[in-house]
Amino acid sequence: MLSLVIVVLVTVASGFIVWANDRRHAKYGMFLPAGVATAVGMVAWIICMAAGLGYQPGLTWIPWIVPMIAGAAAAVALAAFLGRSRTRQDTHRLTEALKM
């Protein structure tokens, strides 16, 4: 259970770090990357534990590292996708408003 707590703390921190380093972070909420990173990390941890990868000699690192990497990657992907799509939508809406 301690490994899940560590995974949650690391993935939340990585989500906040991704948000802080994104130059378009004003386009989406502060907790969105952290929440997605945490959810993906927890699901990856559950999958690793259900697959029997935890607490076995030589495999104990997998339920620790894989969920942390998966959560951070999900936060980066979300920030990249939302930053671009919301910027494009805002530009389109502003253009339509200025045409009137």
PDB file of N, CA and C in Angstrom:
ATOM      1  N   MET A   1       0.820  -1.190   0.000  1.00  0.00           N
ATOM      2  CA  MET A   1       0.000   0.000   0.000  1.00  0.00           C
ATOM      3  C   MET A   1       0.866   1.257   0.000  1.00  0.00           C
ATOM      4  N   LEU A   2       2.038   1.168   0.586  1.00  0.00           N
ATOM      5  CA  LEU A   2       2.932   2.323   0.592  1.00  0.00           C
ATOM      6  C   LEU A   2       3.348   2.706  -0.825  1.00  0.00           C
ATOM      7  N   SER A   3       3.480   1.720  -1.695  1.00  0.00           N
ATOM      8  CA  SER A   3       3.871   2.037  -3.064  1.00  0.00           C
ATOM      9  C   SER A   3       2.788   2.848  -3.771  1.00  0.00           C
ATOM     10  N   LEU A   4       1.517   2.599  -3.452  1.00  0.00           N
ATOM     11  CA  LEU A   4       0.440   3.385  -4.056  1.00  0.00           C
ATOM     12  C   LEU A   4       0.489   4.830  -3.572  1.00  0.00           C
ATOM     13  N   VAL A   5       0.780   5.038  -2.310  1.00  0.00           N
ATOM     14  CA  VAL A   5       0.880   6.397  -1.770  1.00  0.00           C
ATOM     15  C   VAL A   5       2.022   7.147  -2.449  1.00  0.00           C
ATOM     16  N   ILE A   6       3.145   6.493  -2.619  1.00  0.00           N
ATOM     17  CA  ILE A   6       4.281   7.129  -3.290  1.00  0.00           C
ATOM     18  C   ILE A   6       3.939   7.439  -4.742  1.00  0.00           C
ATOM     19  N   VAL A   7       3.270   6.510  -5.415  1.00  0.00           N
ATOM     20  CA  VAL A   7       2.862   6.733  -6.808  1.00  0.00           C
ATOM     21  C   VAL A   7       1.930   7.930  -6.902  1.00  0.00           C
ATOM     22  N   VAL A   8       0.977   8.031  -5.995  1.00  0.00           N
ATOM     23  CA  VAL A   8       0.038   9.164  -6.021  1.00  0.00           C
ATOM     24  C   VAL A   8       0.778  10.478  -5.794  1.00  0.00           C
ATOM     25  N   LEU A   9       1.655  10.529  -4.828  1.00  0.00           N
ATOM     26  CA  LEU A   9       2.385  11.771  -4.555  1.00  0.00           C
ATOM     27  C   LEU A   9       3.255  12.192  -5.731  1.00  0.00           C
ATOM     28  N   VAL A  10       3.943  11.243  -6.324  1.00  0.00           N
ATOM     29  CA  VAL A  10       4.827  11.569  -7.451  1.00  0.00           C
ATOM     30  C   VAL A  10       4.018  11.992  -8.675  1.00  0.00           C
ATOM     31  N   THR A  11       2.916  11.309  -8.961  1.00  0.00           N
ATOM     32  CA  THR A  11       2.135  11.673 -10.141  1.00  0.00           C
ATOM     33  C   THR A  11       1.428  13.019  -9.971  1.00  0.00           C
ATOM     34  N   VAL A  12       0.962  13.315  -8.764  1.00  0.00           N
ATOM     35  CA  VAL A  12       0.371  14.643  -8.524  1.00  0.00           C
ATOM     36  C   VAL A  12       1.429  15.723  -8.736  1.00  0.00           C
ATOM     37  N   ALA A  13       2.612  15.503  -8.197  1.00  0.00           N
ATOM     38  CA  ALA A  13       3.696  16.479  -8.361  1.00  0.00           C
ATOM     39  C   ALA A  13       4.077  16.630  -9.827  1.00  0.00           C
ATOM     40  N   SER A  14       4.132  15.526 -10.557  1.00  0.00           N
ATOM     41  CA  SER A  14       4.496  15.626 -11.972  1.00  0.00           C
ATOM     42  C   SER A  14       3.414  16.368 -12.757  1.00  0.00           C
ATOM     43  N   GLY A  15       2.155  16.176 -12.395  1.00  0.00           N
ATOM     44  CA  GLY A  15       1.080  16.920 -13.059  1.00  0.00           C
ATOM     45  C   GLY A  15       1.185  18.417 -12.824  1.00  0.00           C
ATOM     46  N   PHE A  16       1.505  18.811 -11.595  1.00  0.00           N
ATOM     47  CA  PHE A  16       1.678  20.236 -11.313  1.00  0.00           C
ATOM     48  C   PHE A  16       2.912  20.802 -12.022  1.00  0.00           C
ATOM     49  N   ILE A  17       3.966  20.014 -12.104  1.00  0.00           N
ATOM     50  CA  ILE A  17       5.176  20.463 -12.805  1.00  0.00           C
ATOM     51  C   ILE A  17       4.898  20.642 -14.291  1.00  0.00           C
ATOM     52  N   VAL A  18       4.149  19.712 -14.873  1.00  0.00           N
ATOM     53  CA  VAL A  18       3.787  19.839 -16.292  1.00  0.00           C
ATOM     54  C   VAL A  18       2.958  21.099 -16.507  1.00  0.00           C
ATOM     55  N   TRP A  19       1.984  21.344 -15.632  1.00  0.00           N
ATOM     56  CA  TRP A  19       1.161  22.540 -15.775  1.00  0.00           C
ATOM     57  C   TRP A  19       2.000  23.810 -15.658  1.00  0.00           C
ATOM     58  N   ALA A  20       2.904  23.838 -14.700  1.00  0.00           N
ATOM     59  CA  ALA A  20       3.711  25.040 -14.482  1.00  0.00           C
ATOM     60  C   ALA A  20       4.668  25.304 -15.634  1.00  0.00           C
ATOM     61  N   ASN A  21       5.136  24.275 -16.308  1.00  0.00           N
ATOM     62  CA  ASN A  21       6.085  24.460 -17.397  1.00  0.00           C
ATOM     63  C   ASN A  21       5.434  24.657 -18.758  1.00  0.00           C
ATOM     64  N   ASP A  22       4.131  24.496 -18.841  1.00  0.00           N
ATOM     65  CA  ASP A  22       3.433  24.690 -20.110  1.00  0.00           C
ATOM     66  C   ASP A  22       3.180  26.169 -20.328  1.00  0.00           C
ATOM     67  N   ARG A  23       3.576  26.665 -21.463  1.00  0.00           N
ATOM     68  CA  ARG A  23       3.412  28.104 -21.712  1.00  0.00           C
ATOM     69  C   ARG A  23       1.951  28.473 -21.969  1.00  0.00           C
ATOM     70  N   ARG A  24       1.104  27.506 -22.300  1.00  0.00           N
ATOM     71  CA  ARG A  24      -0.316  27.773 -22.531  1.00  0.00           C
ATOM     72  C   ARG A  24      -1.173  27.307 -21.358  1.00  0.00           C
ATOM     73  N   HIS A  25      -0.608  27.306 -20.155  1.00  0.00           N
ATOM     74  CA  HIS A  25      -1.348  26.758 -19.019  1.00  0.00           C
ATOM     75  C   HIS A  25      -2.546  27.608 -18.597  1.00  0.00           C
ATOM     76  N   ALA A  26      -2.677  28.795 -19.131  1.00  0.00           N
ATOM     77  CA  ALA A  26      -3.845  29.621 -18.808  1.00  0.00           C
ATOM     78  C   ALA A  26      -5.093  29.146 -19.549  1.00  0.00           C
ATOM     79  N   LYS A  27      -4.920  28.230 -20.478  1.00  0.00           N
ATOM     80  CA  LYS A  27      -6.052  27.746 -21.277  1.00  0.00           C
ATOM     81  C   LYS A  27      -6.832  26.626 -20.595  1.00  0.00           C
ATOM     82  N   TYR A  28      -6.268  26.025 -19.568  1.00  0.00           N
ATOM     83  CA  TYR A  28      -6.953  24.938 -18.873  1.00  0.00           C
ATOM     84  C   TYR A  28      -6.613  25.019 -17.396  1.00  0.00           C
ATOM     85  N   GLY A  29      -7.318  24.286 -16.602  1.00  0.00           N
ATOM     86  CA  GLY A  29      -7.203  24.362 -15.149  1.00  0.00           C
ATOM     87  C   GLY A  29      -5.909  23.792 -14.599  1.00  0.00           C
ATOM     88  N   MET A  30      -5.564  24.255 -13.428  1.00  0.00           N
ATOM     89  CA  MET A  30      -4.331  23.858 -12.767  1.00  0.00           C
ATOM     90  C   MET A  30      -4.363  22.400 -12.309  1.00  0.00           C
ATOM     91  N   PHE A  31      -5.530  21.926 -11.902  1.00  0.00           N
ATOM     92  CA  PHE A  31      -5.636  20.573 -11.363  1.00  0.00           C
ATOM     93  C   PHE A  31      -5.881  19.512 -12.430  1.00  0.00           C
ATOM     94  N   LEU A  32      -6.131  19.899 -13.668  1.00  0.00           N
ATOM     95  CA  LEU A  32      -6.436  18.932 -14.710  1.00  0.00           C
ATOM     96  C   LEU A  32      -5.258  18.004 -15.024  1.00  0.00           C
ATOM     97  N   PRO A  33      -4.049  18.504 -15.286  1.00  0.00           N
ATOM     98  CA  PRO A  33      -2.940  17.574 -15.528  1.00  0.00           C
ATOM     99  C   PRO A  33      -2.604  16.727 -14.303  1.00  0.00           C
ATOM    100  N   ALA A  34      -2.696  17.303 -13.124  1.00  0.00           N
ATOM    101  CA  ALA A  34      -2.414  16.544 -11.905  1.00  0.00           C
ATOM    102  C   ALA A  34      -3.448  15.446 -11.695  1.00  0.00           C
ATOM    103  N   GLY A  35      -4.690  15.736 -11.965  1.00  0.00           N
ATOM    104  CA  GLY A  35      -5.742  14.738 -11.813  1.00  0.00           C
ATOM    105  C   GLY A  35      -5.619  13.607 -12.812  1.00  0.00           C
ATOM    106  N   VAL A  36      -5.322  13.956 -14.054  1.00  0.00           N
ATOM    107  CA  VAL A  36      -5.152  12.924 -15.079  1.00  0.00           C
ATOM    108  C   VAL A  36      -3.924  12.079 -14.781  1.00  0.00           C
ATOM    109  N   ALA A  37      -2.840  12.711 -14.380  1.00  0.00           N
ATOM    110  CA  ALA A  37      -1.630  11.961 -14.047  1.00  0.00           C
ATOM    111  C   ALA A  37      -1.877  11.008 -12.892  1.00  0.00           C
ATOM    112  N   THR A  38      -2.607  11.461 -11.891  1.00  0.00           N
ATOM    113  CA  THR A  38      -2.904  10.617 -10.734  1.00  0.00           C
ATOM    114  C   THR A  38      -3.810   9.450 -11.119  1.00  0.00           C
ATOM    115  N   ALA A  39      -4.838   9.721 -11.898  1.00  0.00           N
ATOM    116  CA  ALA A  39      -5.756   8.653 -12.306  1.00  0.00           C
ATOM    117  C   ALA A  39      -5.033   7.592 -13.144  1.00  0.00           C
ATOM    118  N   VAL A  40      -4.229   8.029 -14.097  1.00  0.00           N
ATOM    119  CA  VAL A  40      -3.496   7.082 -14.936  1.00  0.00           C
ATOM    120  C   VAL A  40      -2.479   6.311 -14.106  1.00  0.00           C
ATOM    121  N   GLY A  41      -1.802   6.985 -13.204  1.00  0.00           N
ATOM    122  CA  GLY A  41      -0.831   6.311 -12.349  1.00  0.00           C
ATOM    123  C   GLY A  41      -1.476   5.265 -11.449  1.00  0.00           C
ATOM    124  N   MET A  42      -2.626   5.590 -10.890  1.00  0.00           N
ATOM    125  CA  MET A  42      -3.309   4.636 -10.009  1.00  0.00           C
ATOM    126  C   MET A  42      -3.818   3.432 -10.793  1.00  0.00           C
ATOM    127  N   VAL A  43      -4.360   3.668 -11.982  1.00  0.00           N
ATOM    128  CA  VAL A  43      -4.831   2.551 -12.808  1.00  0.00           C
ATOM    129  C   VAL A  43      -3.649   1.672 -13.224  1.00  0.00           C
ATOM    130  N   ALA A  44      -2.536   2.286 -13.590  1.00  0.00           N
ATOM    131  CA  ALA A  44      -1.355   1.501 -13.959  1.00  0.00           C
ATOM    132  C   ALA A  44      -0.842   0.695 -12.770  1.00  0.00           C
ATOM    133  N   TRP A  45      -0.893   1.270 -11.566  1.00  0.00           N
ATOM    134  CA  TRP A  45      -0.469   0.542 -10.370  1.00  0.00           C
ATOM    135  C   TRP A  45      -1.387  -0.654 -10.107  1.00  0.00           C
ATOM    136  N   ILE A  46      -2.679  -0.440 -10.258  1.00  0.00           N
ATOM    137  CA  ILE A  46      -3.635  -1.530 -10.054  1.00  0.00           C
ATOM    138  C   ILE A  46      -3.409  -2.638 -11.071  1.00  0.00           C
ATOM    139  N   ILE A  47      -3.159  -2.276 -12.312  1.00  0.00           N
ATOM    140  CA  ILE A  47      -2.893  -3.275 -13.344  1.00  0.00           C
ATOM    141  C   ILE A  47      -1.614  -4.051 -13.035  1.00  0.00           C
ATOM    142  N   CYS A  48      -0.584  -3.339 -12.622  1.00  0.00           N
ATOM    143  CA  CYS A  48       0.677  -4.017 -12.278  1.00  0.00           C
ATOM    144  C   CYS A  48       0.496  -4.970 -11.106  1.00  0.00           C
ATOM    145  N   MET A  49      -0.254  -4.554 -10.099  1.00  0.00           N
ATOM    146  CA  MET A  49      -0.467  -5.416  -8.935  1.00  0.00           C
ATOM    147  C   MET A  49      -1.356  -6.602  -9.292  1.00  0.00           C
ATOM    148  N   ALA A  50      -2.377  -6.371 -10.123  1.00  0.00           N
ATOM    149  CA  ALA A  50      -3.260  -7.465 -10.522  1.00  0.00           C
ATOM    150  C   ALA A  50      -2.528  -8.476 -11.401  1.00  0.00           C
ATOM    151  N   ALA A  51      -1.534  -7.999 -12.149  1.00  0.00           N
ATOM    152  CA  ALA A  51      -0.750  -8.897 -12.999  1.00  0.00           C
ATOM    153  C   ALA A  51       0.279  -9.684 -12.200  1.00  0.00           C
ATOM    154  N   GLY A  52       0.406  -9.377 -10.930  1.00  0.00           N
ATOM    155  CA  GLY A  52       1.322 -10.118 -10.073  1.00  0.00           C
ATOM    156  C   GLY A  52       2.761  -9.651 -10.148  1.00  0.00           C
ATOM    157  N   LEU A  53       2.966  -8.404 -10.538  1.00  0.00           N
ATOM    158  CA  LEU A  53       4.333  -7.895 -10.684  1.00  0.00           C
ATOM    159  C   LEU A  53       4.907  -7.310  -9.404  1.00  0.00           C
ATOM    160  N   GLY A  54       4.078  -7.123  -8.395  1.00  0.00           N
ATOM    161  CA  GLY A  54       4.565  -6.513  -7.162  1.00  0.00           C
ATOM    162  C   GLY A  54       5.039  -7.526  -6.150  1.00  0.00           C
ATOM    163  N   TYR A  55       6.005  -7.122  -5.389  1.00  0.00           N
ATOM    164  CA  TYR A  55       6.510  -7.893  -4.262  1.00  0.00           C
ATOM    165  C   TYR A  55       7.083  -9.248  -4.669  1.00  0.00           C
ATOM    166  N   GLN A  56       7.698  -9.305  -5.828  1.00  0.00           N
ATOM    167  CA  GLN A  56       8.421 -10.495  -6.266  1.00  0.00           C
ATOM    168  C   GLN A  56       9.870 -10.101  -6.498  1.00  0.00           C
ATOM    169  N   PRO A  57      10.787 -10.958  -6.156  1.00  0.00           N
ATOM    170  CA  PRO A  57      12.202 -10.634  -6.339  1.00  0.00           C
ATOM    171  C   PRO A  57      12.506 -10.305  -7.803  1.00  0.00           C
ATOM    172  N   GLY A  58      13.140  -9.187  -8.011  1.00  0.00           N
ATOM    173  CA  GLY A  58      13.504  -8.762  -9.343  1.00  0.00           C
ATOM    174  C   GLY A  58      12.440  -7.965 -10.065  1.00  0.00           C
ATOM    175  N   LEU A  59      11.206  -7.975  -9.583  1.00  0.00           N
ATOM    176  CA  LEU A  59      10.117  -7.251 -10.240  1.00  0.00           C
ATOM    177  C   LEU A  59       9.493  -6.175  -9.366  1.00  0.00           C
ATOM    178  N   THR A  60      10.040  -5.912  -8.201  1.00  0.00           N
ATOM    179  CA  THR A  60       9.408  -4.957  -7.290  1.00  0.00           C
ATOM    180  C   THR A  60       9.476  -3.524  -7.792  1.00  0.00           C
ATOM    181  N   TRP A  61      10.356  -3.224  -8.719  1.00  0.00           N
ATOM    182  CA  TRP A  61      10.470  -1.862  -9.232  1.00  0.00           C
ATOM    183  C   TRP A  61       9.363  -1.541 -10.231  1.00  0.00           C
ATOM    184  N   ILE A  62       8.760  -2.539 -10.858  1.00  0.00           N
ATOM    185  CA  ILE A  62       7.775  -2.284 -11.914  1.00  0.00           C
ATOM    186  C   ILE A  62       6.544  -1.547 -11.386  1.00  0.00           C
ATOM    187  N   PRO A  63       5.902  -1.971 -10.274  1.00  0.00           N
ATOM    188  CA  PRO A  63       4.738  -1.218  -9.808  1.00  0.00           C
ATOM    189  C   PRO A  63       5.085   0.150  -9.223  1.00  0.00           C
ATOM    190  N   TRP A  64       6.348   0.450  -9.075  1.00  0.00           N
ATOM    191  CA  TRP A  64       6.749   1.779  -8.605  1.00  0.00           C
ATOM    192  C   TRP A  64       7.028   2.710  -9.780  1.00  0.00           C
ATOM    193  N   ILE A  65       7.811   2.251 -10.734  1.00  0.00           N
ATOM    194  CA  ILE A  65       8.295   3.126 -11.804  1.00  0.00           C
ATOM    195  C   ILE A  65       7.291   3.273 -12.947  1.00  0.00           C
ATOM    196  N   VAL A  66       6.709   2.178 -13.402  1.00  0.00           N
ATOM    197  CA  VAL A  66       5.810   2.221 -14.555  1.00  0.00           C
ATOM    198  C   VAL A  66       4.625   3.167 -14.330  1.00  0.00           C
ATOM    199  N   PRO A  67       3.921   3.125 -13.190  1.00  0.00           N
ATOM    200  CA  PRO A  67       2.815   4.070 -12.996  1.00  0.00           C
ATOM    201  C   PRO A  67       3.262   5.536 -12.941  1.00  0.00           C
ATOM    202  N   MET A  68       4.437   5.769 -12.392  1.00  0.00           N
ATOM    203  CA  MET A  68       4.928   7.152 -12.336  1.00  0.00           C
ATOM    204  C   MET A  68       5.218   7.681 -13.746  1.00  0.00           C
ATOM    205  N   ILE A  69       5.839   6.860 -14.565  1.00  0.00           N
ATOM    206  CA  ILE A  69       6.142   7.267 -15.938  1.00  0.00           C
ATOM    207  C   ILE A  69       4.858   7.416 -16.747  1.00  0.00           C
ATOM    208  N   ALA A  70       3.924   6.481 -16.570  1.00  0.00           N
ATOM    209  CA  ALA A  70       2.654   6.554 -17.296  1.00  0.00           C
ATOM    210  C   ALA A  70       1.862   7.800 -16.903  1.00  0.00           C
ATOM    211  N   GLY A  71       1.839   8.127 -15.626  1.00  0.00           N
ATOM    212  CA  GLY A  71       1.122   9.314 -15.172  1.00  0.00           C
ATOM    213  C   GLY A  71       1.738  10.603 -15.700  1.00  0.00           C
ATOM    214  N   ALA A  72       3.052  10.692 -15.654  1.00  0.00           N
ATOM    215  CA  ALA A  72       3.727  11.886 -16.183  1.00  0.00           C
ATOM    216  C   ALA A  72       3.514  12.009 -17.684  1.00  0.00           C
ATOM    217  N   ALA A  73       3.576  10.895 -18.401  1.00  0.00           N
ATOM    218  CA  ALA A  73       3.354  10.928 -19.850  1.00  0.00           C
ATOM    219  C   ALA A  73       1.922  11.346 -20.180  1.00  0.00           C
ATOM    220  N   ALA A  74       0.960  10.890 -19.390  1.00  0.00           N
ATOM    221  CA  ALA A  74      -0.431  11.292 -19.618  1.00  0.00           C
ATOM    222  C   ALA A  74      -0.623  12.783 -19.372  1.00  0.00           C
ATOM    223  N   ALA A  75       0.035  13.324 -18.366  1.00  0.00           N
ATOM    224  CA  ALA A  75      -0.069  14.765 -18.095  1.00  0.00           C
ATOM    225  C   ALA A  75       0.547  15.584 -19.225  1.00  0.00           C
ATOM    226  N   VAL A  76       1.680  15.135 -19.740  1.00  0.00           N
ATOM    227  CA  VAL A  76       2.322  15.840 -20.857  1.00  0.00           C
ATOM    228  C   VAL A  76       1.438  15.787 -22.095  1.00  0.00           C
ATOM    229  N   ALA A  77       0.877  14.605 -22.391  1.00  0.00           N
ATOM    230  CA  ALA A  77       0.012  14.465 -23.560  1.00  0.00           C
ATOM    231  C   ALA A  77      -1.239  15.331 -23.428  1.00  0.00           C
ATOM    232  N   LEU A  78      -1.818  15.364 -22.252  1.00  0.00           N
ATOM    233  CA  LEU A  78      -3.003  16.185 -22.029  1.00  0.00           C
ATOM    234  C   LEU A  78      -2.687  17.667 -22.201  1.00  0.00           C
ATOM    235  N   ALA A  79      -1.588  18.105 -21.632  1.00  0.00           N
ATOM    236  CA  ALA A  79      -1.208  19.518 -21.741  1.00  0.00           C
ATOM    237  C   ALA A  79      -0.940  19.904 -23.192  1.00  0.00           C
ATOM    238  N   ALA A  80      -0.285  19.042 -23.924  1.00  0.00           N
ATOM    239  CA  ALA A  80      -0.005  19.336 -25.331  1.00  0.00           C
ATOM    240  C   ALA A  80      -1.294  19.400 -26.147  1.00  0.00           C
ATOM    241  N   PHE A  81      -2.177  18.445 -25.922  1.00  0.00           N
ATOM    242  CA  PHE A  81      -3.428  18.410 -26.676  1.00  0.00           C
ATOM    243  C   PHE A  81      -4.331  19.576 -26.323  1.00  0.00           C
ATOM    244  N   LEU A  82      -4.573  19.789 -25.034  1.00  0.00           N
ATOM    245  CA  LEU A  82      -5.478  20.864 -24.628  1.00  0.00           C
ATOM    246  C   LEU A  82      -4.930  22.243 -24.943  1.00  0.00           C
ATOM    247  N   GLY A  83      -3.636  22.433 -24.786  1.00  0.00           N
ATOM    248  CA  GLY A  83      -3.045  23.735 -25.093  1.00  0.00           C
ATOM    249  C   GLY A  83      -3.254  24.121 -26.545  1.00  0.00           C
ATOM    250  N   ARG A  84      -2.985  23.170 -27.444  1.00  0.00           N
ATOM    251  CA  ARG A  84      -3.160  23.466 -28.876  1.00  0.00           C
ATOM    252  C   ARG A  84      -4.617  23.609 -29.264  1.00  0.00           C
ATOM    253  N   SER A  85      -5.472  22.691 -28.813  1.00  0.00           N
ATOM    254  CA  SER A  85      -6.867  22.726 -29.253  1.00  0.00           C
ATOM    255  C   SER A  85      -7.605  23.933 -28.680  1.00  0.00           C
ATOM    256  N   ARG A  86      -7.363  24.265 -27.446  1.00  0.00           N
ATOM    257  CA  ARG A  86      -8.068  25.413 -26.866  1.00  0.00           C
ATOM    258  C   ARG A  86      -7.544  26.737 -27.414  1.00  0.00           C
ATOM    259  N   THR A  87      -6.267  26.805 -27.748  1.00  0.00           N
ATOM    260  CA  THR A  87      -5.751  28.012 -28.391  1.00  0.00           C
ATOM    261  C   THR A  87      -6.394  28.195 -29.756  1.00  0.00           C
ATOM    262  N   ARG A  88      -6.503  27.095 -30.510  1.00  0.00           N
ATOM    263  CA  ARG A  88      -7.133  27.151 -31.827  1.00  0.00           C
ATOM    264  C   ARG A  88      -8.599  27.556 -31.705  1.00  0.00           C
ATOM    265  N   GLN A  89      -9.324  26.996 -30.746  1.00  0.00           N
ATOM    266  CA  GLN A  89     -10.730  27.340 -30.558  1.00  0.00           C
ATOM    267  C   GLN A  89     -10.904  28.792 -30.128  1.00  0.00           C
ATOM    268  N   ASP A  90     -10.052  29.268 -29.243  1.00  0.00           N
ATOM    269  CA  ASP A  90     -10.133  30.666 -28.811  1.00  0.00           C
ATOM    270  C   ASP A  90      -9.855  31.615 -29.965  1.00  0.00           C
ATOM    271  N   THR A  91      -8.872  31.290 -30.785  1.00  0.00           N
ATOM    272  CA  THR A  91      -8.546  32.125 -31.944  1.00  0.00           C
ATOM    273  C   THR A  91      -9.717  32.145 -32.921  1.00  0.00           C
ATOM    274  N   HIS A  92     -10.316  30.999 -33.143  1.00  0.00           N
ATOM    275  CA  HIS A  92     -11.466  30.929 -34.057  1.00  0.00           C
ATOM    276  C   HIS A  92     -12.639  31.748 -33.524  1.00  0.00           C
ATOM    277  N   ARG A  93     -12.939  31.612 -32.243  1.00  0.00           N
ATOM    278  CA  ARG A  93     -14.037  32.367 -31.654  1.00  0.00           C
ATOM    279  C   ARG A  93     -13.779  33.876 -31.669  1.00  0.00           C
ATOM    280  N   LEU A  94     -12.539  34.267 -31.424  1.00  0.00           N
ATOM    281  CA  LEU A  94     -12.196  35.690 -31.455  1.00  0.00           C
ATOM    282  C   LEU A  94     -12.320  36.236 -32.882  1.00  0.00           C
ATOM    283  N   THR A  95     -11.880  35.464 -33.851  1.00  0.00           N
ATOM    284  CA  THR A  95     -11.994  35.870 -35.249  1.00  0.00           C
ATOM    285  C   THR A  95     -13.457  36.035 -35.650  1.00  0.00           C
ATOM    286  N   GLU A  96     -14.306  35.094 -35.239  1.00  0.00           N
ATOM    287  CA  GLU A  96     -15.738  35.190 -35.550  1.00  0.00           C
ATOM    288  C   GLU A  96     -16.362  36.414 -34.860  1.00  0.00           C
ATOM    289  N   ALA A  97     -15.952  36.690 -33.644  1.00  0.00           N
ATOM    290  CA  ALA A  97     -16.506  37.848 -32.930  1.00  0.00           C
ATOM    291  C   ALA A  97     -16.071  39.151 -33.564  1.00  0.00           C
ATOM    292  N   LEU A  98     -14.845  39.203 -34.071  1.00  0.00           N
ATOM    293  CA  LEU A  98     -14.360  40.434 -34.682  1.00  0.00           C
ATOM    294  C   LEU A  98     -14.937  40.663 -36.073  1.00  0.00           C
ATOM    295  N   LYS A  99     -15.415  39.624 -36.737  1.00  0.00           N
ATOM    296  CA  LYS A  99     -16.020  39.775 -38.054  1.00  0.00           C
ATOM    297  C   LYS A  99     -17.377  40.421 -37.984  1.00  0.00           C
ATOM    298  N   MET A 100     -18.052  40.332 -36.854  1.00  0.00           N
ATOM    299  CA  MET A 100     -19.411  40.878 -36.729  1.00  0.00           C
ATOM    300  C   MET A 100     -19.433  42.347 -36.762  1.00  0.00           C
TER     301      MET A 100
END
